Amino acid sequence: MKLEHHKQKVASLPRFIFRMGRYGVFTVGLITISVLGGTLGYHFLGDISWLDSFHMACMILTGMGPVVEMTSPTAKVFSSLYALYSGVAFLSITAVFFAPIIHRLLHILHVEQEGNER
């Protein structure tokens, strides 16, 4: 996932779209792993149904909050740790997805700035 150096030309549109696809696939993979881990934890440790576990994992991962009350101490510890993980994961996954867009924008601005200096 190497990006252009600031002295190189801006990547072509097809190359940029391909790059966005790679980053998108990686992002979907991170989301899938995160939701799967939360779903399994809520199902087995929280003793709730698969659908409710999936719903709970998705709600916590996106920062919306819990929808089912955890009753056992083990479930509460898992839910707390998953909430902490989710806060970091959500921001990190968002950064991974937007990285190529921000890089391209900054690269274009840098190229335009160099063009004005000459």
PDB file of N, CA and C in Angstrom:
ATOM      1  N   MET A   1       0.823  -1.188   0.000  1.00  0.00           N
ATOM      2  CA  MET A   1       0.000   0.000   0.000  1.00  0.00           C
ATOM      3  C   MET A   1       0.868   1.253   0.000  1.00  0.00           C
ATOM      4  N   LYS A   2       1.807   1.272  -0.922  1.00  0.00           N
ATOM      5  CA  LYS A   2       2.742   2.383  -1.004  1.00  0.00           C
ATOM      6  C   LYS A   2       2.112   3.544  -1.774  1.00  0.00           C
ATOM      7  N   LEU A   3       2.295   4.742  -1.240  1.00  0.00           N
ATOM      8  CA  LEU A   3       1.784   5.942  -1.873  1.00  0.00           C
ATOM      9  C   LEU A   3       2.924   6.678  -2.570  1.00  0.00           C
ATOM     10  N   GLU A   4       2.585   7.640  -3.419  1.00  0.00           N
ATOM     11  CA  GLU A   4       3.584   8.385  -4.159  1.00  0.00           C
ATOM     12  C   GLU A   4       4.368   9.300  -3.219  1.00  0.00           C
ATOM     13  N   HIS A   5       5.613   9.502  -3.577  1.00  0.00           N
ATOM     14  CA  HIS A   5       6.444  10.484  -2.887  1.00  0.00           C
ATOM     15  C   HIS A   5       5.985  11.861  -3.334  1.00  0.00           C
ATOM     16  N   HIS A   6       6.208  12.862  -2.513  1.00  0.00           N
ATOM     17  CA  HIS A   6       5.719  14.203  -2.862  1.00  0.00           C
ATOM     18  C   HIS A   6       6.364  14.770  -4.122  1.00  0.00           C
ATOM     19  N   LYS A   7       7.491  14.230  -4.538  1.00  0.00           N
ATOM     20  CA  LYS A   7       8.139  14.710  -5.762  1.00  0.00           C
ATOM     21  C   LYS A   7       7.635  13.976  -7.008  1.00  0.00           C
ATOM     22  N   GLN A   8       6.854  12.921  -6.823  1.00  0.00           N
ATOM     23  CA  GLN A   8       6.299  12.193  -7.962  1.00  0.00           C
ATOM     24  C   GLN A   8       4.974  12.822  -8.388  1.00  0.00           C
ATOM     25  N   LYS A   9       4.544  12.477  -9.585  1.00  0.00           N
ATOM     26  CA  LYS A   9       3.265  12.964 -10.085  1.00  0.00           C
ATOM     27  C   LYS A   9       2.124  12.335  -9.294  1.00  0.00           C
ATOM     28  N   VAL A  10       0.976  12.998  -9.318  1.00  0.00           N
ATOM     29  CA  VAL A  10      -0.224  12.469  -8.674  1.00  0.00           C
ATOM     30  C   VAL A  10      -0.657  11.211  -9.435  1.00  0.00           C
ATOM     31  N   ALA A  11      -1.091  10.203  -8.713  1.00  0.00           N
ATOM     32  CA  ALA A  11      -1.510   8.947  -9.336  1.00  0.00           C
ATOM     33  C   ALA A  11      -2.692   9.191 -10.271  1.00  0.00           C
ATOM     34  N   SER A  12      -2.763   8.406 -11.331  1.00  0.00           N
ATOM     35  CA  SER A  12      -3.877   8.526 -12.277  1.00  0.00           C
ATOM     36  C   SER A  12      -5.182   8.125 -11.584  1.00  0.00           C
ATOM     37  N   LEU A  13      -6.283   8.542 -12.168  1.00  0.00           N
ATOM     38  CA  LEU A  13      -7.587   8.234 -11.576  1.00  0.00           C
ATOM     39  C   LEU A  13      -7.841   6.731 -11.471  1.00  0.00           C
ATOM     40  N   PRO A  14      -7.551   5.922 -12.511  1.00  0.00           N
ATOM     41  CA  PRO A  14      -7.749   4.480 -12.355  1.00  0.00           C
ATOM     42  C   PRO A  14      -6.902   3.875 -11.239  1.00  0.00           C
ATOM     43  N   ARG A  15      -5.663   4.336 -11.116  1.00  0.00           N
ATOM     44  CA  ARG A  15      -4.797   3.834 -10.039  1.00  0.00           C
ATOM     45  C   ARG A  15      -5.347   4.245  -8.670  1.00  0.00           C
ATOM     46  N   PHE A  16      -5.842   5.489  -8.565  1.00  0.00           N
ATOM     47  CA  PHE A  16      -6.431   5.962  -7.314  1.00  0.00           C
ATOM     48  C   PHE A  16      -7.675   5.161  -6.952  1.00  0.00           C
ATOM     49  N   ILE A  17      -8.525   4.869  -7.930  1.00  0.00           N
ATOM     50  CA  ILE A  17      -9.733   4.079  -7.677  1.00  0.00           C
ATOM     51  C   ILE A  17      -9.363   2.667  -7.230  1.00  0.00           C
ATOM     52  N   PHE A  18      -8.348   2.086  -7.859  1.00  0.00           N
ATOM     53  CA  PHE A  18      -7.872   0.764  -7.440  1.00  0.00           C
ATOM     54  C   PHE A  18      -7.359   0.811  -6.003  1.00  0.00           C
ATOM     55  N   ARG A  19      -6.609   1.862  -5.683  1.00  0.00           N
ATOM     56  CA  ARG A  19      -6.092   2.035  -4.322  1.00  0.00           C
ATOM     57  C   ARG A  19      -7.250   2.157  -3.317  1.00  0.00           C
ATOM     58  N   MET A  20      -8.266   2.941  -3.668  1.00  0.00           N
ATOM     59  CA  MET A  20      -9.428   3.082  -2.781  1.00  0.00           C
ATOM     60  C   MET A  20     -10.124   1.737  -2.584  1.00  0.00           C
ATOM     61  N   GLY A  21     -10.154   0.931  -3.640  1.00  0.00           N
ATOM     62  CA  GLY A  21     -10.745  -0.406  -3.521  1.00  0.00           C
ATOM     63  C   GLY A  21      -9.967  -1.276  -2.551  1.00  0.00           C
ATOM     64  N   ARG A  22      -8.634  -1.225  -2.632  1.00  0.00           N
ATOM     65  CA  ARG A  22      -7.799  -2.011  -1.704  1.00  0.00           C
ATOM     66  C   ARG A  22      -8.005  -1.549  -0.269  1.00  0.00           C
ATOM     67  N   TYR A  23      -7.994  -0.258  -0.052  1.00  0.00           N
ATOM     68  CA  TYR A  23      -8.208   0.266   1.294  1.00  0.00           C
ATOM     69  C   TYR A  23      -9.623  -0.056   1.769  1.00  0.00           C
ATOM     70  N   GLY A  24     -10.588  -0.011   0.853  1.00  0.00           N
ATOM     71  CA  GLY A  24     -11.966  -0.351   1.213  1.00  0.00           C
ATOM     72  C   GLY A  24     -12.101  -1.802   1.640  1.00  0.00           C
ATOM     73  N   VAL A  25     -11.452  -2.699   0.907  1.00  0.00           N
ATOM     74  CA  VAL A  25     -11.486  -4.129   1.272  1.00  0.00           C
ATOM     75  C   VAL A  25     -10.829  -4.343   2.634  1.00  0.00           C
ATOM     76  N   PHE A  26      -9.696  -3.680   2.856  1.00  0.00           N
ATOM     77  CA  PHE A  26      -9.019  -3.790   4.146  1.00  0.00           C
ATOM     78  C   PHE A  26      -9.911  -3.265   5.276  1.00  0.00           C
ATOM     79  N   THR A  27     -10.595  -2.148   5.029  1.00  0.00           N
ATOM     80  CA  THR A  27     -11.493  -1.564   6.020  1.00  0.00           C
ATOM     81  C   THR A  27     -12.652  -2.503   6.328  1.00  0.00           C
ATOM     82  N   VAL A  28     -13.259  -3.080   5.300  1.00  0.00           N
ATOM     83  CA  VAL A  28     -14.358  -4.033   5.510  1.00  0.00           C
ATOM     84  C   VAL A  28     -13.867  -5.242   6.308  1.00  0.00           C
ATOM     85  N   GLY A  29     -12.650  -5.683   6.046  1.00  0.00           N
ATOM     86  CA  GLY A  29     -12.076  -6.789   6.809  1.00  0.00           C
ATOM     87  C   GLY A  29     -11.932  -6.444   8.285  1.00  0.00           C
ATOM     88  N   LEU A  30     -11.442  -5.236   8.579  1.00  0.00           N
ATOM     89  CA  LEU A  30     -11.311  -4.812   9.976  1.00  0.00           C
ATOM     90  C   LEU A  30     -12.668  -4.719  10.660  1.00  0.00           C
ATOM     91  N   ILE A  31     -13.658  -4.196   9.952  1.00  0.00           N
ATOM     92  CA  ILE A  31     -15.008  -4.098  10.523  1.00  0.00           C
ATOM     93  C   ILE A  31     -15.566  -5.486  10.773  1.00  0.00           C
ATOM     94  N   THR A  32     -15.386  -6.387   9.821  1.00  0.00           N
ATOM     95  CA  THR A  32     -15.899  -7.756   9.963  1.00  0.00           C
ATOM     96  C   THR A  32     -15.275  -8.450  11.166  1.00  0.00           C
ATOM     97  N   ILE A  33     -13.969  -8.346  11.316  1.00  0.00           N
ATOM     98  CA  ILE A  33     -13.284  -8.966  12.453  1.00  0.00           C
ATOM     99  C   ILE A  33     -13.782  -8.364  13.768  1.00  0.00           C
ATOM    100  N   SER A  34     -13.955  -7.056  13.799  1.00  0.00           N
ATOM    101  CA  SER A  34     -14.415  -6.394  15.021  1.00  0.00           C
ATOM    102  C   SER A  34     -15.830  -6.807  15.393  1.00  0.00           C
ATOM    103  N   VAL A  35     -16.718  -6.821  14.418  1.00  0.00           N
ATOM    104  CA  VAL A  35     -18.108  -7.214  14.692  1.00  0.00           C
ATOM    105  C   VAL A  35     -18.182  -8.691  15.061  1.00  0.00           C
ATOM    106  N   LEU A  36     -17.410  -9.527  14.387  1.00  0.00           N
ATOM    107  CA  LEU A  36     -17.406 -10.956  14.690  1.00  0.00           C
ATOM    108  C   LEU A  36     -16.934 -11.207  16.123  1.00  0.00           C
ATOM    109  N   GLY A  37     -15.850 -10.545  16.509  1.00  0.00           N
ATOM    110  CA  GLY A  37     -15.352 -10.696  17.883  1.00  0.00           C
ATOM    111  C   GLY A  37     -16.366 -10.249  18.916  1.00  0.00           C
ATOM    112  N   GLY A  38     -17.008  -9.137  18.668  1.00  0.00           N
ATOM    113  CA  GLY A  38     -18.041  -8.645  19.588  1.00  0.00           C
ATOM    114  C   GLY A  38     -19.245  -9.565  19.648  1.00  0.00           C
ATOM    115  N   THR A  39     -19.669 -10.050  18.490  1.00  0.00           N
ATOM    116  CA  THR A  39     -20.821 -10.952  18.437  1.00  0.00           C
ATOM    117  C   THR A  39     -20.549 -12.234  19.213  1.00  0.00           C
ATOM    118  N   LEU A  40     -19.379 -12.822  18.990  1.00  0.00           N
ATOM    119  CA  LEU A  40     -19.030 -14.051  19.712  1.00  0.00           C
ATOM    120  C   LEU A  40     -18.953 -13.804  21.221  1.00  0.00           C
ATOM    121  N   GLY A  41     -18.323 -12.710  21.604  1.00  0.00           N
ATOM    122  CA  GLY A  41     -18.203 -12.393  23.029  1.00  0.00           C
ATOM    123  C   GLY A  41     -19.536 -12.165  23.688  1.00  0.00           C
ATOM    124  N   TYR A  42     -20.401 -11.387  23.057  1.00  0.00           N
ATOM    125  CA  TYR A  42     -21.718 -11.129  23.644  1.00  0.00           C
ATOM    126  C   TYR A  42     -22.569 -12.388  23.691  1.00  0.00           C
ATOM    127  N   HIS A  43     -22.437 -13.224  22.672  1.00  0.00           N
ATOM    128  CA  HIS A  43     -23.245 -14.447  22.652  1.00  0.00           C
ATOM    129  C   HIS A  43     -22.815 -15.416  23.750  1.00  0.00           C
ATOM    130  N   PHE A  44     -21.525 -15.677  23.842  1.00  0.00           N
ATOM    131  CA  PHE A  44     -21.047 -16.681  24.794  1.00  0.00           C
ATOM    132  C   PHE A  44     -20.866 -16.133  26.208  1.00  0.00           C
ATOM    133  N   LEU A  45     -20.412 -14.913  26.347  1.00  0.00           N
ATOM    134  CA  LEU A  45     -20.186 -14.359  27.686  1.00  0.00           C
ATOM    135  C   LEU A  45     -21.403 -13.624  28.224  1.00  0.00           C
ATOM    136  N   GLY A  46     -22.163 -12.989  27.329  1.00  0.00           N
ATOM    137  CA  GLY A  46     -23.354 -12.260  27.749  1.00  0.00           C
ATOM    138  C   GLY A  46     -24.608 -13.108  27.752  1.00  0.00           C
ATOM    139  N   ASP A  47     -24.496 -14.310  27.191  1.00  0.00           N
ATOM    140  CA  ASP A  47     -25.610 -15.259  27.132  1.00  0.00           C
ATOM    141  C   ASP A  47     -26.862 -14.646  26.497  1.00  0.00           C
ATOM    142  N   ILE A  48     -26.646 -13.995  25.332  1.00  0.00           N
ATOM    143  CA  ILE A  48     -27.784 -13.454  24.579  1.00  0.00           C
ATOM    144  C   ILE A  48     -27.802 -14.088  23.196  1.00  0.00           C
ATOM    145  N   SER A  49     -28.935 -13.962  22.507  1.00  0.00           N
ATOM    146  CA  SER A  49     -29.110 -14.623  21.209  1.00  0.00           C
ATOM    147  C   SER A  49     -28.109 -14.089  20.177  1.00  0.00           C
ATOM    148  N   TRP A  50     -27.947 -14.842  19.093  1.00  0.00           N
ATOM    149  CA  TRP A  50     -27.014 -14.427  18.039  1.00  0.00           C
ATOM    150  C   TRP A  50     -27.403 -13.073  17.450  1.00  0.00           C
ATOM    151  N   LEU A  51     -28.683 -12.885  17.186  1.00  0.00           N
ATOM    152  CA  LEU A  51     -29.135 -11.631  16.590  1.00  0.00           C
ATOM    153  C   LEU A  51     -28.910 -10.463  17.545  1.00  0.00           C
ATOM    154  N   ASP A  52     -29.256 -10.650  18.817  1.00  0.00           N
ATOM    155  CA  ASP A  52     -29.026  -9.590  19.795  1.00  0.00           C
ATOM    156  C   ASP A  52     -27.536  -9.328  20.002  1.00  0.00           C
ATOM    157  N   SER A  53     -26.722 -10.378  19.931  1.00  0.00           N
ATOM    158  CA  SER A  53     -25.267 -10.215  20.056  1.00  0.00           C
ATOM    159  C   SER A  53     -24.715  -9.397  18.895  1.00  0.00           C
ATOM    160  N   PHE A  54     -25.164  -9.706  17.685  1.00  0.00           N
ATOM    161  CA  PHE A  54     -24.742  -8.960  16.501  1.00  0.00           C
ATOM    162  C   PHE A  54     -25.183  -7.498  16.611  1.00  0.00           C
ATOM    163  N   HIS A  55     -26.426  -7.297  17.012  1.00  0.00           N
ATOM    164  CA  HIS A  55     -26.966  -5.944  17.172  1.00  0.00           C
ATOM    165  C   HIS A  55     -26.158  -5.164  18.211  1.00  0.00           C
ATOM    166  N   MET A  56     -25.875  -5.794  19.328  1.00  0.00           N
ATOM    167  CA  MET A  56     -25.120  -5.152  20.403  1.00  0.00           C
ATOM    168  C   MET A  56     -23.709  -4.799  19.925  1.00  0.00           C
ATOM    169  N   ALA A  57     -23.033  -5.726  19.236  1.00  0.00           N
ATOM    170  CA  ALA A  57     -21.675  -5.480  18.748  1.00  0.00           C
ATOM    171  C   ALA A  57     -21.657  -4.307  17.765  1.00  0.00           C
ATOM    172  N   CYS A  58     -22.623  -4.263  16.872  1.00  0.00           N
ATOM    173  CA  CYS A  58     -22.687  -3.170  15.901  1.00  0.00           C
ATOM    174  C   CYS A  58     -22.956  -1.832  16.580  1.00  0.00           C
ATOM    175  N   MET A  59     -23.843  -1.833  17.539  1.00  0.00           N
ATOM    176  CA  MET A  59     -24.175  -0.585  18.236  1.00  0.00           C
ATOM    177  C   MET A  59     -22.988  -0.070  19.050  1.00  0.00           C
ATOM    178  N   ILE A  60     -22.282  -0.961  19.718  1.00  0.00           N
ATOM    179  CA  ILE A  60     -21.122  -0.538  20.501  1.00  0.00           C
ATOM    180  C   ILE A  60     -20.000  -0.082  19.577  1.00  0.00           C
ATOM    181  N   LEU A  61     -19.756  -0.817  18.501  1.00  0.00           N
ATOM    182  CA  LEU A  61     -18.669  -0.481  17.581  1.00  0.00           C
ATOM    183  C   LEU A  61     -18.857   0.899  16.958  1.00  0.00           C
ATOM    184  N   THR A  62     -20.080   1.283  16.686  1.00  0.00           N
ATOM    185  CA  THR A  62     -20.331   2.587  16.068  1.00  0.00           C
ATOM    186  C   THR A  62     -20.552   3.691  17.092  1.00  0.00           C
ATOM    187  N   GLY A  63     -20.482   3.359  18.372  1.00  0.00           N
ATOM    188  CA  GLY A  63     -20.600   4.372  19.413  1.00  0.00           C
ATOM    189  C   GLY A  63     -22.023   4.717  19.796  1.00  0.00           C
ATOM    190  N   MET A  64     -22.974   3.922  19.386  1.00  0.00           N
ATOM    191  CA  MET A  64     -24.375   4.215  19.684  1.00  0.00           C
ATOM    192  C   MET A  64     -24.771   3.807  21.107  1.00  0.00           C
ATOM    193  N   GLY A  65     -24.058   2.883  21.699  1.00  0.00           N
ATOM    194  CA  GLY A  65     -24.347   2.481  23.072  1.00  0.00           C
ATOM    195  C   GLY A  65     -24.987   1.111  23.149  1.00  0.00           C
ATOM    196  N   PRO A  66     -25.031   0.556  24.367  1.00  0.00           N
ATOM    197  CA  PRO A  66     -25.567  -0.790  24.565  1.00  0.00           C
ATOM    198  C   PRO A  66     -27.079  -0.842  24.399  1.00  0.00           C
ATOM    199  N   VAL A  67     -27.562  -2.003  23.987  1.00  0.00           N
ATOM    200  CA  VAL A  67     -29.010  -2.204  23.839  1.00  0.00           C
ATOM    201  C   VAL A  67     -29.520  -3.312  24.754  1.00  0.00           C
ATOM    202  N   VAL A  68     -28.621  -4.126  25.285  1.00  0.00           N
ATOM    203  CA  VAL A  68     -28.984  -5.208  26.190  1.00  0.00           C
ATOM    204  C   VAL A  68     -28.143  -5.045  27.455  1.00  0.00           C
ATOM    205  N   GLU A  69     -28.769  -5.195  28.601  1.00  0.00           N
ATOM    206  CA  GLU A  69     -28.039  -5.064  29.863  1.00  0.00           C
ATOM    207  C   GLU A  69     -27.251  -6.341  30.143  1.00  0.00           C
ATOM    208  N   MET A  70     -26.001  -6.171  30.488  1.00  0.00           N
ATOM    209  CA  MET A  70     -25.164  -7.309  30.867  1.00  0.00           C
ATOM    210  C   MET A  70     -25.385  -7.586  32.359  1.00  0.00           C
ATOM    211  N   THR A  71     -25.600  -8.856  32.690  1.00  0.00           N
ATOM    212  CA  THR A  71     -25.938  -9.199  34.073  1.00  0.00           C
ATOM    213  C   THR A  71     -24.796  -9.861  34.832  1.00  0.00           C
ATOM    214  N   SER A  72     -23.988 -10.665  34.177  1.00  0.00           N
ATOM    215  CA  SER A  72     -22.904 -11.363  34.884  1.00  0.00           C
ATOM    216  C   SER A  72     -21.644 -10.491  34.920  1.00  0.00           C
ATOM    217  N   PRO A  73     -20.805 -10.695  35.927  1.00  0.00           N
ATOM    218  CA  PRO A  73     -19.551  -9.922  35.987  1.00  0.00           C
ATOM    219  C   PRO A  73     -18.655 -10.145  34.759  1.00  0.00           C
ATOM    220  N   THR A  74     -18.590 -11.378  34.277  1.00  0.00           N
ATOM    221  CA  THR A  74     -17.771 -11.673  33.095  1.00  0.00           C
ATOM    222  C   THR A  74     -18.281 -10.900  31.883  1.00  0.00           C
ATOM    223  N   ALA A  75     -19.588 -10.867  31.712  1.00  0.00           N
ATOM    224  CA  ALA A  75     -20.185 -10.144  30.590  1.00  0.00           C
ATOM    225  C   ALA A  75     -19.925  -8.645  30.704  1.00  0.00           C
ATOM    226  N   LYS A  76     -19.973  -8.132  31.918  1.00  0.00           N
ATOM    227  CA  LYS A  76     -19.724  -6.698  32.114  1.00  0.00           C
ATOM    228  C   LYS A  76     -18.269  -6.342  31.806  1.00  0.00           C
ATOM    229  N   VAL A  77     -17.341  -7.207  32.207  1.00  0.00           N
ATOM    230  CA  VAL A  77     -15.929  -6.960  31.907  1.00  0.00           C
ATOM    231  C   VAL A  77     -15.706  -7.011  30.391  1.00  0.00           C
ATOM    232  N   PHE A  78     -16.267  -8.037  29.732  1.00  0.00           N
ATOM    233  CA  PHE A  78     -16.128  -8.117  28.272  1.00  0.00           C
ATOM    234  C   PHE A  78     -16.721  -6.888  27.608  1.00  0.00           C
ATOM    235  N   SER A  79     -17.914  -6.499  28.026  1.00  0.00           N
ATOM    236  CA  SER A  79     -18.593  -5.360  27.420  1.00  0.00           C
ATOM    237  C   SER A  79     -17.771  -4.080  27.599  1.00  0.00           C
ATOM    238  N   SER A  80     -17.165  -3.912  28.754  1.00  0.00           N
ATOM    239  CA  SER A  80     -16.324  -2.735  29.002  1.00  0.00           C
ATOM    240  C   SER A  80     -15.089  -2.738  28.106  1.00  0.00           C
ATOM    241  N   LEU A  81     -14.419  -3.877  28.032  1.00  0.00           N
ATOM    242  CA  LEU A  81     -13.224  -3.966  27.194  1.00  0.00           C
ATOM    243  C   LEU A  81     -13.556  -3.810  25.714  1.00  0.00           C
ATOM    244  N   TYR A  82     -14.685  -4.388  25.295  1.00  0.00           N
ATOM    245  CA  TYR A  82     -15.090  -4.255  23.890  1.00  0.00           C
ATOM    246  C   TYR A  82     -15.439  -2.798  23.567  1.00  0.00           C
ATOM    247  N   ALA A  83     -16.045  -2.096  24.520  1.00  0.00           N
ATOM    248  CA  ALA A  83     -16.368  -0.684  24.299  1.00  0.00           C
ATOM    249  C   ALA A  83     -15.089   0.140  24.156  1.00  0.00           C
ATOM    250  N   LEU A  84     -14.082  -0.134  24.987  1.00  0.00           N
ATOM    251  CA  LEU A  84     -12.802   0.572  24.865  1.00  0.00           C
ATOM    252  C   LEU A  84     -12.142   0.268  23.526  1.00  0.00           C
ATOM    253  N   TYR A  85     -12.122  -1.004  23.158  1.00  0.00           N
ATOM    254  CA  TYR A  85     -11.563  -1.404  21.866  1.00  0.00           C
ATOM    255  C   TYR A  85     -12.316  -0.712  20.724  1.00  0.00           C
ATOM    256  N   SER A  86     -13.631  -0.686  20.821  1.00  0.00           N
ATOM    257  CA  SER A  86     -14.451  -0.137  19.741  1.00  0.00           C
ATOM    258  C   SER A  86     -14.198   1.337  19.509  1.00  0.00           C
ATOM    259  N   GLY A  87     -13.968   2.085  20.586  1.00  0.00           N
ATOM    260  CA  GLY A  87     -13.673   3.506  20.430  1.00  0.00           C
ATOM    261  C   GLY A  87     -12.422   3.737  19.611  1.00  0.00           C
ATOM    262  N   VAL A  88     -11.384   2.982  19.901  1.00  0.00           N
ATOM    263  CA  VAL A  88     -10.122   3.100  19.167  1.00  0.00           C
ATOM    264  C   VAL A  88     -10.275   2.537  17.753  1.00  0.00           C
ATOM    265  N   ALA A  89     -10.938   1.385  17.644  1.00  0.00           N
ATOM    266  CA  ALA A  89     -11.093   0.727  16.342  1.00  0.00           C
ATOM    267  C   ALA A  89     -11.885   1.594  15.371  1.00  0.00           C
ATOM    268  N   PHE A  90     -12.965   2.207  15.831  1.00  0.00           N
ATOM    269  CA  PHE A  90     -13.799   3.019  14.948  1.00  0.00           C
ATOM    270  C   PHE A  90     -12.992   4.175  14.362  1.00  0.00           C
ATOM    271  N   LEU A  91     -12.235   4.864  15.212  1.00  0.00           N
ATOM    272  CA  LEU A  91     -11.427   5.984  14.722  1.00  0.00           C
ATOM    273  C   LEU A  91     -10.312   5.503  13.792  1.00  0.00           C
ATOM    274  N   SER A  92      -9.679   4.398  14.146  1.00  0.00           N
ATOM    275  CA  SER A  92      -8.590   3.862  13.325  1.00  0.00           C
ATOM    276  C   SER A  92      -9.091   3.385  11.966  1.00  0.00           C
ATOM    277  N   ILE A  93     -10.209   2.678  11.959  1.00  0.00           N
ATOM    278  CA  ILE A  93     -10.770   2.178  10.703  1.00  0.00           C
ATOM    279  C   ILE A  93     -11.181   3.344   9.807  1.00  0.00           C
ATOM    280  N   THR A  94     -11.745   4.380  10.397  1.00  0.00           N
ATOM    281  CA  THR A  94     -12.121   5.567   9.627  1.00  0.00           C
ATOM    282  C   THR A  94     -10.876   6.222   9.022  1.00  0.00           C
ATOM    283  N   ALA A  95      -9.816   6.302   9.800  1.00  0.00           N
ATOM    284  CA  ALA A  95      -8.562   6.897   9.302  1.00  0.00           C
ATOM    285  C   ALA A  95      -7.981   6.076   8.160  1.00  0.00           C
ATOM    286  N   VAL A  96      -8.027   4.756   8.275  1.00  0.00           N
ATOM    287  CA  VAL A  96      -7.512   3.891   7.206  1.00  0.00           C
ATOM    288  C   VAL A  96      -8.305   4.118   5.920  1.00  0.00           C
ATOM    289  N   PHE A  97      -9.615   4.225   6.030  1.00  0.00           N
ATOM    290  CA  PHE A  97     -10.442   4.398   4.843  1.00  0.00           C
ATOM    291  C   PHE A  97     -10.171   5.742   4.157  1.00  0.00           C
ATOM    292  N   PHE A  98     -10.014   6.801   4.944  1.00  0.00           N
ATOM    293  CA  PHE A  98      -9.854   8.131   4.354  1.00  0.00           C
ATOM    294  C   PHE A  98      -8.406   8.496   4.025  1.00  0.00           C
ATOM    295  N   ALA A  99      -7.441   7.674   4.422  1.00  0.00           N
ATOM    296  CA  ALA A  99      -6.027   7.985   4.187  1.00  0.00           C
ATOM    297  C   ALA A  99      -5.695   8.260   2.717  1.00  0.00           C
ATOM    298  N   PRO A 100      -6.139   7.420   1.765  1.00  0.00           N
ATOM    299  CA  PRO A 100      -5.785   7.716   0.365  1.00  0.00           C
ATOM    300  C   PRO A 100      -6.411   9.010  -0.152  1.00  0.00           C
ATOM    301  N   ILE A 101      -7.593   9.334   0.322  1.00  0.00           N
ATOM    302  CA  ILE A 101      -8.269  10.563  -0.118  1.00  0.00           C
ATOM    303  C   ILE A 101      -7.506  11.779   0.392  1.00  0.00           C
ATOM    304  N   ILE A 102      -7.152  11.756   1.664  1.00  0.00           N
ATOM    305  CA  ILE A 102      -6.419  12.873   2.253  1.00  0.00           C
ATOM    306  C   ILE A 102      -5.037  12.990   1.614  1.00  0.00           C
ATOM    307  N   HIS A 103      -4.371  11.853   1.387  1.00  0.00           N
ATOM    308  CA  HIS A 103      -3.051  11.882   0.745  1.00  0.00           C
ATOM    309  C   HIS A 103      -3.148  12.498  -0.643  1.00  0.00           C
ATOM    310  N   ARG A 104      -4.148  12.096  -1.401  1.00  0.00           N
ATOM    311  CA  ARG A 104      -4.300  12.625  -2.764  1.00  0.00           C
ATOM    312  C   ARG A 104      -4.547  14.130  -2.733  1.00  0.00           C
ATOM    313  N   LEU A 105      -5.406  14.569  -1.837  1.00  0.00           N
ATOM    314  CA  LEU A 105      -5.705  15.995  -1.727  1.00  0.00           C
ATOM    315  C   LEU A 105      -4.444  16.784  -1.364  1.00  0.00           C
ATOM    316  N   LEU A 106      -3.715  16.317  -0.362  1.00  0.00           N
ATOM    317  CA  LEU A 106      -2.486  17.008   0.027  1.00  0.00           C
ATOM    318  C   LEU A 106      -1.442  16.954  -1.083  1.00  0.00           C
ATOM    319  N   HIS A 107      -1.382  15.826  -1.784  1.00  0.00           N
ATOM    320  CA  HIS A 107      -0.423  15.688  -2.888  1.00  0.00           C
ATOM    321  C   HIS A 107      -0.759  16.678  -4.004  1.00  0.00           C
ATOM    322  N   ILE A 108      -2.026  16.791  -4.348  1.00  0.00           N
ATOM    323  CA  ILE A 108      -2.441  17.735  -5.396  1.00  0.00           C
ATOM    324  C   ILE A 108      -2.109  19.165  -4.973  1.00  0.00           C
ATOM    325  N   LEU A 109      -2.401  19.505  -3.721  1.00  0.00           N
ATOM    326  CA  LEU A 109      -2.097  20.859  -3.247  1.00  0.00           C
ATOM    327  C   LEU A 109      -0.600  21.127  -3.261  1.00  0.00           C
ATOM    328  N   HIS A 110       0.200  20.143  -2.921  1.00  0.00           N
ATOM    329  CA  HIS A 110       1.654  20.308  -2.942  1.00  0.00           C
ATOM    330  C   HIS A 110       2.163  20.485  -4.375  1.00  0.00           C
ATOM    331  N   VAL A 111       1.625  19.720  -5.309  1.00  0.00           N
ATOM    332  CA  VAL A 111       2.029  19.832  -6.711  1.00  0.00           C
ATOM    333  C   VAL A 111       1.658  21.206  -7.247  1.00  0.00           C
ATOM    334  N   GLU A 112       0.450  21.684  -6.902  1.00  0.00           N
ATOM    335  CA  GLU A 112       0.042  23.011  -7.359  1.00  0.00           C
ATOM    336  C   GLU A 112       0.934  24.088  -6.750  1.00  0.00           C
ATOM    337  N   GLN A 113       1.319  23.923  -5.496  1.00  0.00           N
ATOM    338  CA  GLN A 113       2.180  24.901  -4.837  1.00  0.00           C
ATOM    339  C   GLN A 113       3.558  24.931  -5.513  1.00  0.00           C
ATOM    340  N   GLU A 114       4.111  23.768  -5.835  1.00  0.00           N
ATOM    341  CA  GLU A 114       5.404  23.715  -6.535  1.00  0.00           C
ATOM    342  C   GLU A 114       5.303  24.360  -7.908  1.00  0.00           C
ATOM    343  N   GLY A 115       4.170  24.177  -8.573  1.00  0.00           N
ATOM    344  CA  GLY A 115       3.974  24.747  -9.908  1.00  0.00           C
ATOM    345  C   GLY A 115       3.938  26.263  -9.866  1.00  0.00           C
ATOM    346  N   ASN A 116       3.443  26.839  -8.793  1.00  0.00           N
ATOM    347  CA  ASN A 116       3.355  28.305  -8.661  1.00  0.00           C
ATOM    348  C   ASN A 116       4.706  28.929  -8.334  1.00  0.00           C
ATOM    349  N   GLU A 117       5.618  28.163  -7.727  1.00  0.00           N
ATOM    350  CA  GLU A 117       6.927  28.688  -7.352  1.00  0.00           C
ATOM    351  C   GLU A 117       7.844  28.852  -8.554  1.00  0.00           C
ATOM    352  N   ARG A 118       7.623  28.153  -9.611  1.00  0.00           N
ATOM    353  CA  ARG A 118       8.520  28.190 -10.783  1.00  0.00           C
ATOM    354  C   ARG A 118       8.254  29.343 -11.684  1.00  0.00           C
TER     355      ARG A 118
END
